[in-house]
Amino acid sequence: MASTQRVEKRKPTTLRGQHTRQVLLQAAEEVFGRRGFSATGVGEITHRAGVATGTFYVHFHNKESVFLAVVEALGTRLEAFVA
């Protein structure tokens, strides 16, 4: 992954922004799950999400940051499932 850590961009405060971020996370989870991290590109994620590439970068710095957000979301779902 990236050699430098970047602080995650602030989560959106509007309902529209929250929805867009969630759509991107769902698309990323699907594409990473199907193709793997290395074979996945930001363009595939945005295409699956139905948003422009620029919209991706409003919410995430890069592919690594969306991957980490997907892993975090999966962990949260797992914790809720086993609780």
C-alpha atoms as a PDB file:
ATOM      1  CA  MET A   1       0.000   0.000   0.000  1.00  0.00           C
ATOM      2  CA  ALA A   2       1.001   3.631   0.158  1.00  0.00           C
ATOM      3  CA  SER A   3       4.247   4.438   1.888  1.00  0.00           C
ATOM      4  CA  THR A   4       2.796   7.534   3.545  1.00  0.00           C
ATOM      5  CA  GLN A   5      -0.251   7.649   5.745  1.00  0.00           C
ATOM      6  CA  ARG A   6      -2.780  10.368   5.028  1.00  0.00           C
ATOM      7  CA  VAL A   7      -5.469  11.478   7.370  1.00  0.00           C
ATOM      8  CA  GLU A   8      -8.889  10.413   6.103  1.00  0.00           C
ATOM      9  CA  LYS A   9     -10.922  13.169   4.551  1.00  0.00           C
ATOM     10  CA  ARG A  10     -13.736  14.462   6.716  1.00  0.00           C
ATOM     11  CA  LYS A  11     -16.903  12.475   6.391  1.00  0.00           C
ATOM     12  CA  PRO A  12     -19.664  14.375   4.593  1.00  0.00           C
ATOM     13  CA  THR A  13     -22.208  16.267   6.638  1.00  0.00           C
ATOM     14  CA  THR A  14     -25.016  16.456   4.067  1.00  0.00           C
ATOM     15  CA  LEU A  15     -27.371  13.556   3.401  1.00  0.00           C
ATOM     16  CA  ARG A  16     -26.422  13.649  -0.275  1.00  0.00           C
ATOM     17  CA  GLY A  17     -22.711  13.491   0.535  1.00  0.00           C
ATOM     18  CA  GLN A  18     -23.253  10.669   3.035  1.00  0.00           C
ATOM     19  CA  HIS A  19     -25.241   8.745   0.438  1.00  0.00           C
ATOM     20  CA  THR A  20     -22.562   9.247  -2.231  1.00  0.00           C
ATOM     21  CA  ARG A  21     -19.814   8.093   0.140  1.00  0.00           C
ATOM     22  CA  GLN A  22     -21.851   4.987   1.025  1.00  0.00           C
ATOM     23  CA  VAL A  23     -22.440   4.202  -2.667  1.00  0.00           C
ATOM     24  CA  LEU A  24     -18.688   4.493  -3.282  1.00  0.00           C
ATOM     25  CA  LEU A  25     -17.920   2.200  -0.344  1.00  0.00           C
ATOM     26  CA  GLN A  26     -20.412  -0.413  -1.556  1.00  0.00           C
ATOM     27  CA  ALA A  27     -19.022  -0.265  -5.078  1.00  0.00           C
ATOM     28  CA  ALA A  28     -15.449  -0.520  -3.807  1.00  0.00           C
ATOM     29  CA  GLU A  29     -16.326  -3.535  -1.658  1.00  0.00           C
ATOM     30  CA  GLU A  30     -17.880  -5.283  -4.648  1.00  0.00           C
ATOM     31  CA  VAL A  31     -15.007  -4.512  -7.023  1.00  0.00           C
ATOM     32  CA  PHE A  32     -12.257  -5.343  -4.508  1.00  0.00           C
ATOM     33  CA  GLY A  33     -14.070  -8.583  -3.687  1.00  0.00           C
ATOM     34  CA  ARG A  34     -14.341  -9.568  -7.336  1.00  0.00           C
ATOM     35  CA  ARG A  35     -10.984  -8.385  -8.703  1.00  0.00           C
ATOM     36  CA  GLY A  36      -8.730  -7.979  -5.678  1.00  0.00           C
ATOM     37  CA  PHE A  37      -6.919  -4.858  -4.507  1.00  0.00           C
ATOM     38  CA  SER A  38      -4.099  -4.822  -7.059  1.00  0.00           C
ATOM     39  CA  ALA A  39      -6.320  -5.367 -10.085  1.00  0.00           C
ATOM     40  CA  THR A  40      -8.875  -2.734  -9.051  1.00  0.00           C
ATOM     41  CA  GLY A  41      -8.698   0.826 -10.322  1.00  0.00           C
ATOM     42  CA  VAL A  42     -10.458   3.938  -9.115  1.00  0.00           C
ATOM     43  CA  GLY A  43     -12.186   4.111 -12.501  1.00  0.00           C
ATOM     44  CA  GLU A  44     -13.791   0.726 -11.935  1.00  0.00           C
ATOM     45  CA  ILE A  45     -15.066   1.804  -8.536  1.00  0.00           C
ATOM     46  CA  THR A  46     -16.533   5.049  -9.856  1.00  0.00           C
ATOM     47  CA  HIS A  47     -18.082   3.289 -12.849  1.00  0.00           C
ATOM     48  CA  ARG A  48     -19.735   0.731 -10.554  1.00  0.00           C
ATOM     49  CA  ALA A  49     -20.920   3.534  -8.260  1.00  0.00           C
ATOM     50  CA  GLY A  50     -22.202   5.620 -11.162  1.00  0.00           C
ATOM     51  CA  VAL A  51     -20.248   8.730 -10.159  1.00  0.00           C
ATOM     52  CA  ALA A  52     -17.530  10.833 -11.742  1.00  0.00           C
ATOM     53  CA  THR A  53     -13.886  10.235 -10.862  1.00  0.00           C
ATOM     54  CA  GLY A  54     -13.678  13.696  -9.299  1.00  0.00           C
ATOM     55  CA  THR A  55     -16.461  12.742  -6.910  1.00  0.00           C
ATOM     56  CA  PHE A  56     -14.328   9.846  -5.678  1.00  0.00           C
ATOM     57  CA  TYR A  57     -11.540  12.256  -4.766  1.00  0.00           C
ATOM     58  CA  VAL A  58     -13.947  14.482  -2.845  1.00  0.00           C
ATOM     59  CA  HIS A  59     -14.446  11.548  -0.470  1.00  0.00           C
ATOM     60  CA  PHE A  60     -11.142   9.633  -0.592  1.00  0.00           C
ATOM     61  CA  HIS A  61      -7.489  10.458  -1.209  1.00  0.00           C
ATOM     62  CA  ASN A  62      -6.746   7.345  -3.257  1.00  0.00           C
ATOM     63  CA  LYS A  63      -7.479   3.660  -3.738  1.00  0.00           C
ATOM     64  CA  GLU A  64      -5.701   2.771  -0.509  1.00  0.00           C
ATOM     65  CA  SER A  65      -7.872   5.096   1.558  1.00  0.00           C
ATOM     66  CA  VAL A  66     -11.118   3.692   0.170  1.00  0.00           C
ATOM     67  CA  PHE A  67      -9.801   0.170   0.775  1.00  0.00           C
ATOM     68  CA  LEU A  68      -9.080   1.022   4.417  1.00  0.00           C
ATOM     69  CA  ALA A  69     -12.568   2.521   4.755  1.00  0.00           C
ATOM     70  CA  VAL A  70     -14.070  -0.678   3.295  1.00  0.00           C
ATOM     71  CA  VAL A  71     -12.102  -2.811   5.765  1.00  0.00           C
ATOM     72  CA  GLU A  72     -13.241  -0.580   8.633  1.00  0.00           C
ATOM     73  CA  ALA A  73     -16.876  -0.861   7.531  1.00  0.00           C
ATOM     74  CA  LEU A  74     -16.566  -4.647   7.246  1.00  0.00           C
ATOM     75  CA  GLY A  75     -15.112  -4.782  10.754  1.00  0.00           C
ATOM     76  CA  THR A  76     -18.007  -2.733  12.107  1.00  0.00           C
ATOM     77  CA  ARG A  77     -20.529  -5.027  10.428  1.00  0.00           C
ATOM     78  CA  LEU A  78     -18.743  -8.096  11.770  1.00  0.00           C
ATOM     79  CA  GLU A  79     -18.722  -6.708  15.304  1.00  0.00           C
ATOM     80  CA  ALA A  80     -22.452  -6.036  15.095  1.00  0.00           C
ATOM     81  CA  PHE A  81     -23.058  -9.528  13.730  1.00  0.00           C
ATOM     82  CA  VAL A  82     -21.213 -11.376  16.503  1.00  0.00           C
ATOM     83  CA  ALA A  83     -22.469  -9.150  19.327  1.00  0.00           C
END
